[in-house]
Amino acid sequence: MAIGKLWSITLDCADAKKLAEFWRAALDGKIAYESDNFSGVETPDGMWIGAYRIDGYEPPAWPDGSPPKQFHLDFTVDDLDVAEARALELGATKAEHQPEPDRWRVLLDPAGHPFCVTNMS
């Protein structure tokens, strides 16, 4: 028996409003909630991605380092080049380490969290 349905993922960051604006634009969502330290983006399918401001935030290092990456998000796309270009236009950066660039592109959101776009589905 499930304990519930996954509804939201929240990412730590230094600037919640900036990070939420990136994910709002990247996912065609809307800012659904804001407070002093939190901004929540609701995606068109009802899932939320949150941005939570913490003091002393340090972005994770990709693919390893200090602080280490603890998780990353994967997004399936029709065209890797188009998705990568759009993410970069919105403020993402391309990670230096690209293990399989023909199938996956590793990008970093404005707070440094790694995420991938892939043509696998």
N, C-alpha and C. Protein backbone atom coordinates (compact mmCIF):
# COMPACT_ATOMS: atom_id res chain seq x y z
N MET A 1 0.85 -1.18 0.00
CA MET A 1 0.00 0.00 0.00
C MET A 1 0.89 1.24 0.00
N ALA A 2 0.64 2.15 -0.92
CA ALA A 2 1.41 3.39 -1.02
C ALA A 2 1.08 4.31 0.15
N ILE A 3 2.06 5.09 0.57
CA ILE A 3 1.80 6.06 1.63
C ILE A 3 1.14 7.32 1.08
N GLY A 4 1.17 7.48 -0.22
CA GLY A 4 0.56 8.66 -0.85
C GLY A 4 1.04 8.78 -2.28
N LYS A 5 0.69 9.88 -2.91
CA LYS A 5 1.05 10.15 -4.30
C LYS A 5 2.09 11.28 -4.31
N LEU A 6 3.19 11.06 -5.04
CA LEU A 6 4.21 12.11 -5.15
C LEU A 6 3.58 13.32 -5.82
N TRP A 7 3.68 14.46 -5.15
CA TRP A 7 3.03 15.67 -5.61
C TRP A 7 4.04 16.77 -5.91
N SER A 8 5.17 16.78 -5.16
CA SER A 8 6.08 17.90 -5.28
C SER A 8 7.52 17.47 -5.00
N ILE A 9 8.45 18.15 -5.64
CA ILE A 9 9.87 18.02 -5.36
C ILE A 9 10.35 19.43 -5.03
N THR A 10 11.10 19.57 -3.95
CA THR A 10 11.59 20.88 -3.55
C THR A 10 13.11 20.88 -3.55
N LEU A 11 13.68 21.91 -4.16
CA LEU A 11 15.12 22.05 -4.29
C LEU A 11 15.61 23.18 -3.38
N ASP A 12 16.69 22.93 -2.65
CA ASP A 12 17.31 23.98 -1.86
C ASP A 12 18.05 24.93 -2.80
N CYS A 13 18.19 26.18 -2.37
CA CYS A 13 18.85 27.18 -3.20
C CYS A 13 19.16 28.42 -2.38
N ALA A 14 19.86 29.38 -2.99
CA ALA A 14 20.15 30.65 -2.34
C ALA A 14 19.07 31.70 -2.64
N ASP A 15 18.38 31.57 -3.77
CA ASP A 15 17.39 32.55 -4.21
C ASP A 15 16.16 31.81 -4.74
N ALA A 16 15.15 31.66 -3.90
CA ALA A 16 13.97 30.87 -4.26
C ALA A 16 13.20 31.47 -5.44
N LYS A 17 13.05 32.77 -5.47
CA LYS A 17 12.29 33.40 -6.55
C LYS A 17 12.98 33.20 -7.90
N LYS A 18 14.29 33.35 -7.93
CA LYS A 18 15.04 33.18 -9.18
C LYS A 18 14.95 31.74 -9.68
N LEU A 19 15.13 30.78 -8.78
CA LEU A 19 15.08 29.38 -9.19
C LEU A 19 13.66 29.00 -9.64
N ALA A 20 12.65 29.46 -8.92
CA ALA A 20 11.27 29.16 -9.30
C ALA A 20 10.93 29.75 -10.65
N GLU A 21 11.43 30.94 -10.94
CA GLU A 21 11.16 31.56 -12.24
C GLU A 21 11.78 30.74 -13.37
N PHE A 22 12.98 30.20 -13.15
CA PHE A 22 13.59 29.33 -14.15
C PHE A 22 12.71 28.12 -14.42
N TRP A 23 12.30 27.41 -13.35
CA TRP A 23 11.50 26.20 -13.53
C TRP A 23 10.10 26.52 -14.05
N ARG A 24 9.54 27.67 -13.69
CA ARG A 24 8.25 28.08 -14.25
C ARG A 24 8.33 28.17 -15.77
N ALA A 25 9.36 28.86 -16.25
CA ALA A 25 9.51 29.02 -17.70
C ALA A 25 9.88 27.70 -18.38
N ALA A 26 10.76 26.92 -17.77
CA ALA A 26 11.21 25.67 -18.37
C ALA A 26 10.10 24.64 -18.49
N LEU A 27 9.13 24.67 -17.57
CA LEU A 27 8.07 23.67 -17.54
C LEU A 27 6.70 24.22 -17.92
N ASP A 28 6.67 25.46 -18.43
CA ASP A 28 5.39 26.11 -18.77
C ASP A 28 4.43 26.09 -17.59
N GLY A 29 4.96 26.31 -16.40
CA GLY A 29 4.15 26.28 -15.20
C GLY A 29 3.71 27.67 -14.76
N LYS A 30 3.27 27.73 -13.52
CA LYS A 30 2.88 29.02 -12.94
C LYS A 30 3.36 29.05 -11.50
N ILE A 31 3.72 30.24 -11.04
CA ILE A 31 4.07 30.40 -9.63
C ILE A 31 2.76 30.30 -8.86
N ALA A 32 2.62 29.24 -8.09
CA ALA A 32 1.36 28.97 -7.40
C ALA A 32 1.38 29.39 -5.94
N TYR A 33 2.58 29.57 -5.39
CA TYR A 33 2.70 29.97 -3.98
C TYR A 33 4.06 30.60 -3.76
N GLU A 34 4.08 31.66 -2.94
CA GLU A 34 5.34 32.29 -2.56
C GLU A 34 5.29 32.73 -1.11
N SER A 35 6.42 32.58 -0.45
CA SER A 35 6.61 33.13 0.90
C SER A 35 8.02 33.72 0.93
N ASP A 36 8.47 34.13 2.09
CA ASP A 36 9.80 34.73 2.19
C ASP A 36 10.90 33.77 1.73
N ASN A 37 10.76 32.49 2.01
CA ASN A 37 11.82 31.52 1.72
C ASN A 37 11.44 30.45 0.71
N PHE A 38 10.23 30.45 0.21
CA PHE A 38 9.77 29.37 -0.66
C PHE A 38 8.98 29.92 -1.83
N SER A 39 9.20 29.32 -3.00
CA SER A 39 8.36 29.59 -4.18
C SER A 39 7.99 28.24 -4.77
N GLY A 40 6.71 28.05 -5.07
CA GLY A 40 6.23 26.79 -5.63
C GLY A 40 5.71 26.99 -7.03
N VAL A 41 6.17 26.14 -7.94
CA VAL A 41 5.74 26.17 -9.33
C VAL A 41 4.83 24.99 -9.58
N GLU A 42 3.63 25.26 -10.08
CA GLU A 42 2.72 24.19 -10.47
C GLU A 42 2.86 23.97 -11.96
N THR A 43 3.12 22.72 -12.35
CA THR A 43 3.26 22.38 -13.76
C THR A 43 1.89 22.13 -14.37
N PRO A 44 1.79 22.12 -15.71
CA PRO A 44 0.48 21.88 -16.33
C PRO A 44 -0.18 20.56 -15.93
N ASP A 45 0.61 19.55 -15.53
CA ASP A 45 0.02 18.26 -15.13
C ASP A 45 -0.28 18.19 -13.64
N GLY A 46 -0.10 19.32 -12.91
CA GLY A 46 -0.46 19.37 -11.50
C GLY A 46 0.68 19.06 -10.54
N MET A 47 1.81 18.62 -11.05
CA MET A 47 2.99 18.37 -10.20
C MET A 47 3.59 19.71 -9.81
N TRP A 48 4.22 19.77 -8.66
CA TRP A 48 4.88 20.98 -8.20
C TRP A 48 6.38 20.75 -8.13
N ILE A 49 7.13 21.82 -8.41
CA ILE A 49 8.55 21.86 -8.10
C ILE A 49 8.76 23.12 -7.27
N GLY A 50 9.33 22.93 -6.10
CA GLY A 50 9.51 24.04 -5.18
C GLY A 50 10.95 24.47 -5.10
N ALA A 51 11.14 25.72 -4.69
CA ALA A 51 12.47 26.27 -4.46
C ALA A 51 12.48 26.81 -3.03
N TYR A 52 13.40 26.32 -2.22
CA TYR A 52 13.45 26.71 -0.82
C TYR A 52 14.80 27.35 -0.51
N ARG A 53 14.76 28.61 -0.05
CA ARG A 53 15.98 29.35 0.26
C ARG A 53 16.54 28.91 1.60
N ILE A 54 17.83 28.57 1.58
CA ILE A 54 18.52 28.25 2.84
C ILE A 54 19.79 29.08 2.94
N ASP A 55 20.14 29.47 4.13
CA ASP A 55 21.39 30.20 4.36
C ASP A 55 22.58 29.29 4.08
N GLY A 56 23.61 29.83 3.48
CA GLY A 56 24.84 29.08 3.24
C GLY A 56 24.73 28.02 2.17
N TYR A 57 23.74 28.14 1.28
CA TYR A 57 23.57 27.13 0.23
C TYR A 57 24.83 27.01 -0.63
N GLU A 58 25.23 25.78 -0.90
CA GLU A 58 26.32 25.48 -1.82
C GLU A 58 25.79 24.51 -2.87
N PRO A 59 25.92 24.84 -4.16
CA PRO A 59 25.42 23.92 -5.19
C PRO A 59 26.20 22.62 -5.23
N PRO A 60 25.55 21.54 -5.62
CA PRO A 60 26.25 20.26 -5.72
C PRO A 60 27.25 20.28 -6.88
N ALA A 61 28.24 19.45 -6.80
CA ALA A 61 29.24 19.32 -7.87
C ALA A 61 28.86 18.14 -8.76
N TRP A 62 28.96 18.32 -10.06
CA TRP A 62 28.65 17.26 -11.02
C TRP A 62 29.93 16.83 -11.70
N PRO A 63 30.22 15.56 -11.86
CA PRO A 63 29.43 14.41 -11.44
C PRO A 63 29.75 13.98 -10.01
N ASP A 64 30.86 14.44 -9.46
CA ASP A 64 31.15 14.14 -8.06
C ASP A 64 31.99 15.28 -7.51
N GLY A 65 32.11 15.35 -6.23
CA GLY A 65 32.85 16.43 -5.62
C GLY A 65 32.25 16.80 -4.29
N SER A 66 32.51 18.01 -3.86
CA SER A 66 32.01 18.45 -2.57
C SER A 66 31.36 19.81 -2.73
N PRO A 67 30.10 20.00 -2.37
CA PRO A 67 29.21 18.94 -1.88
C PRO A 67 28.79 18.03 -3.03
N PRO A 68 28.56 16.76 -2.73
CA PRO A 68 28.22 15.81 -3.78
C PRO A 68 26.78 15.99 -4.29
N LYS A 69 26.60 15.55 -5.52
CA LYS A 69 25.26 15.50 -6.09
C LYS A 69 24.49 14.44 -5.33
N GLN A 70 23.26 14.74 -4.95
CA GLN A 70 22.45 13.77 -4.22
C GLN A 70 21.33 13.19 -5.07
N PHE A 71 20.91 13.90 -6.07
CA PHE A 71 19.89 13.44 -7.01
C PHE A 71 19.91 14.38 -8.20
N HIS A 72 19.24 13.99 -9.27
CA HIS A 72 19.01 14.92 -10.37
C HIS A 72 17.71 14.56 -11.05
N LEU A 73 17.19 15.50 -11.81
CA LEU A 73 15.92 15.32 -12.51
C LEU A 73 16.20 14.96 -13.96
N ASP A 74 15.38 14.09 -14.54
CA ASP A 74 15.48 13.71 -15.95
C ASP A 74 14.19 14.10 -16.66
N PHE A 75 14.34 14.70 -17.84
CA PHE A 75 13.20 15.13 -18.65
C PHE A 75 13.33 14.51 -20.03
N THR A 76 12.28 13.83 -20.48
CA THR A 76 12.28 13.29 -21.83
C THR A 76 11.85 14.38 -22.80
N VAL A 77 12.55 14.47 -23.93
CA VAL A 77 12.31 15.52 -24.92
C VAL A 77 12.31 14.90 -26.32
N ASP A 78 11.71 15.60 -27.26
CA ASP A 78 11.71 15.14 -28.65
C ASP A 78 13.04 15.43 -29.34
N ASP A 79 13.65 16.57 -29.04
CA ASP A 79 14.87 16.99 -29.73
C ASP A 79 15.87 17.51 -28.69
N LEU A 80 17.00 16.82 -28.56
CA LEU A 80 18.00 17.20 -27.57
C LEU A 80 18.55 18.61 -27.80
N ASP A 81 18.85 18.92 -29.05
CA ASP A 81 19.43 20.23 -29.34
C ASP A 81 18.47 21.37 -29.03
N VAL A 82 17.21 21.20 -29.37
CA VAL A 82 16.20 22.23 -29.10
C VAL A 82 16.00 22.40 -27.60
N ALA A 83 15.89 21.28 -26.87
CA ALA A 83 15.68 21.35 -25.42
C ALA A 83 16.89 21.98 -24.73
N GLU A 84 18.08 21.60 -25.14
CA GLU A 84 19.29 22.18 -24.55
C GLU A 84 19.34 23.68 -24.80
N ALA A 85 19.09 24.09 -26.02
CA ALA A 85 19.13 25.52 -26.36
C ALA A 85 18.12 26.32 -25.54
N ARG A 86 16.93 25.78 -25.39
CA ARG A 86 15.90 26.49 -24.62
C ARG A 86 16.30 26.60 -23.16
N ALA A 87 16.82 25.52 -22.58
CA ALA A 87 17.25 25.56 -21.18
C ALA A 87 18.36 26.59 -20.98
N LEU A 88 19.31 26.64 -21.90
CA LEU A 88 20.40 27.62 -21.81
C LEU A 88 19.86 29.04 -21.93
N GLU A 89 18.91 29.24 -22.82
CA GLU A 89 18.27 30.54 -22.99
C GLU A 89 17.59 31.00 -21.71
N LEU A 90 17.03 30.06 -20.95
CA LEU A 90 16.32 30.39 -19.71
C LEU A 90 17.25 30.60 -18.51
N GLY A 91 18.54 30.28 -18.66
CA GLY A 91 19.47 30.52 -17.57
C GLY A 91 20.22 29.30 -17.07
N ALA A 92 19.98 28.14 -17.67
CA ALA A 92 20.75 26.95 -17.31
C ALA A 92 22.16 27.07 -17.88
N THR A 93 23.05 26.26 -17.37
CA THR A 93 24.38 26.14 -17.95
C THR A 93 24.62 24.68 -18.29
N LYS A 94 25.50 24.44 -19.24
CA LYS A 94 25.80 23.07 -19.64
C LYS A 94 26.94 22.56 -18.77
N ALA A 95 26.75 21.39 -18.20
CA ALA A 95 27.79 20.78 -17.37
C ALA A 95 28.99 20.41 -18.23
N GLU A 96 30.16 20.55 -17.68
CA GLU A 96 31.38 20.20 -18.41
C GLU A 96 31.41 18.71 -18.71
N HIS A 97 31.05 17.88 -17.73
CA HIS A 97 31.07 16.43 -17.90
C HIS A 97 29.78 15.98 -18.59
N GLN A 98 29.91 15.40 -19.78
CA GLN A 98 28.78 14.91 -20.56
C GLN A 98 29.03 13.43 -20.90
N PRO A 99 28.53 12.49 -20.08
CA PRO A 99 28.87 11.08 -20.28
C PRO A 99 28.34 10.46 -21.56
N GLU A 100 27.13 10.84 -22.02
CA GLU A 100 26.55 10.27 -23.24
C GLU A 100 25.79 11.36 -23.99
N PRO A 101 26.50 12.32 -24.59
CA PRO A 101 25.82 13.48 -25.18
C PRO A 101 24.89 13.17 -26.35
N ASP A 102 25.00 12.00 -26.95
CA ASP A 102 24.08 11.65 -28.03
C ASP A 102 22.71 11.22 -27.50
N ARG A 103 22.66 10.84 -26.22
CA ARG A 103 21.39 10.39 -25.62
C ARG A 103 20.95 11.22 -24.44
N TRP A 104 21.89 11.88 -23.76
CA TRP A 104 21.60 12.66 -22.55
C TRP A 104 22.39 13.96 -22.63
N ARG A 105 21.82 15.04 -22.18
CA ARG A 105 22.55 16.30 -22.00
C ARG A 105 22.41 16.67 -20.54
N VAL A 106 23.52 16.89 -19.88
CA VAL A 106 23.52 17.27 -18.48
C VAL A 106 23.62 18.79 -18.40
N LEU A 107 22.63 19.38 -17.74
CA LEU A 107 22.56 20.83 -17.56
C LEU A 107 22.47 21.14 -16.08
N LEU A 108 22.74 22.39 -15.73
CA LEU A 108 22.65 22.84 -14.35
C LEU A 108 21.66 23.98 -14.28
N ASP A 109 20.70 23.91 -13.35
CA ASP A 109 19.75 25.01 -13.21
C ASP A 109 20.47 26.21 -12.58
N PRO A 110 19.83 27.37 -12.46
CA PRO A 110 20.52 28.55 -11.93
C PRO A 110 21.07 28.38 -10.51
N ALA A 111 20.58 27.42 -9.74
CA ALA A 111 21.12 27.16 -8.40
C ALA A 111 22.19 26.07 -8.41
N GLY A 112 22.51 25.53 -9.59
CA GLY A 112 23.56 24.52 -9.71
C GLY A 112 23.10 23.08 -9.64
N HIS A 113 21.78 22.84 -9.54
CA HIS A 113 21.28 21.46 -9.50
C HIS A 113 21.38 20.84 -10.89
N PRO A 114 21.99 19.65 -11.00
CA PRO A 114 22.04 19.00 -12.30
C PRO A 114 20.67 18.45 -12.70
N PHE A 115 20.39 18.55 -14.00
CA PHE A 115 19.22 17.89 -14.56
C PHE A 115 19.59 17.47 -15.98
N CYS A 116 18.90 16.45 -16.46
CA CYS A 116 19.22 15.92 -17.79
C CYS A 116 18.01 16.04 -18.69
N VAL A 117 18.30 16.26 -19.97
CA VAL A 117 17.29 16.08 -21.00
C VAL A 117 17.74 14.88 -21.82
N THR A 118 16.79 14.05 -22.21
CA THR A 118 17.10 12.82 -22.92
C THR A 118 16.07 12.55 -23.99
N ASN A 119 16.52 11.86 -25.04
CA ASN A 119 15.57 11.42 -26.06
C ASN A 119 15.15 9.99 -25.84
N MET A 120 15.48 9.43 -24.68
CA MET A 120 15.02 8.10 -24.31
C MET A 120 13.62 8.24 -23.71
N SER A 121 12.81 7.27 -23.91
CA SER A 121 11.49 7.30 -23.25
C SER A 121 11.02 5.91 -22.95
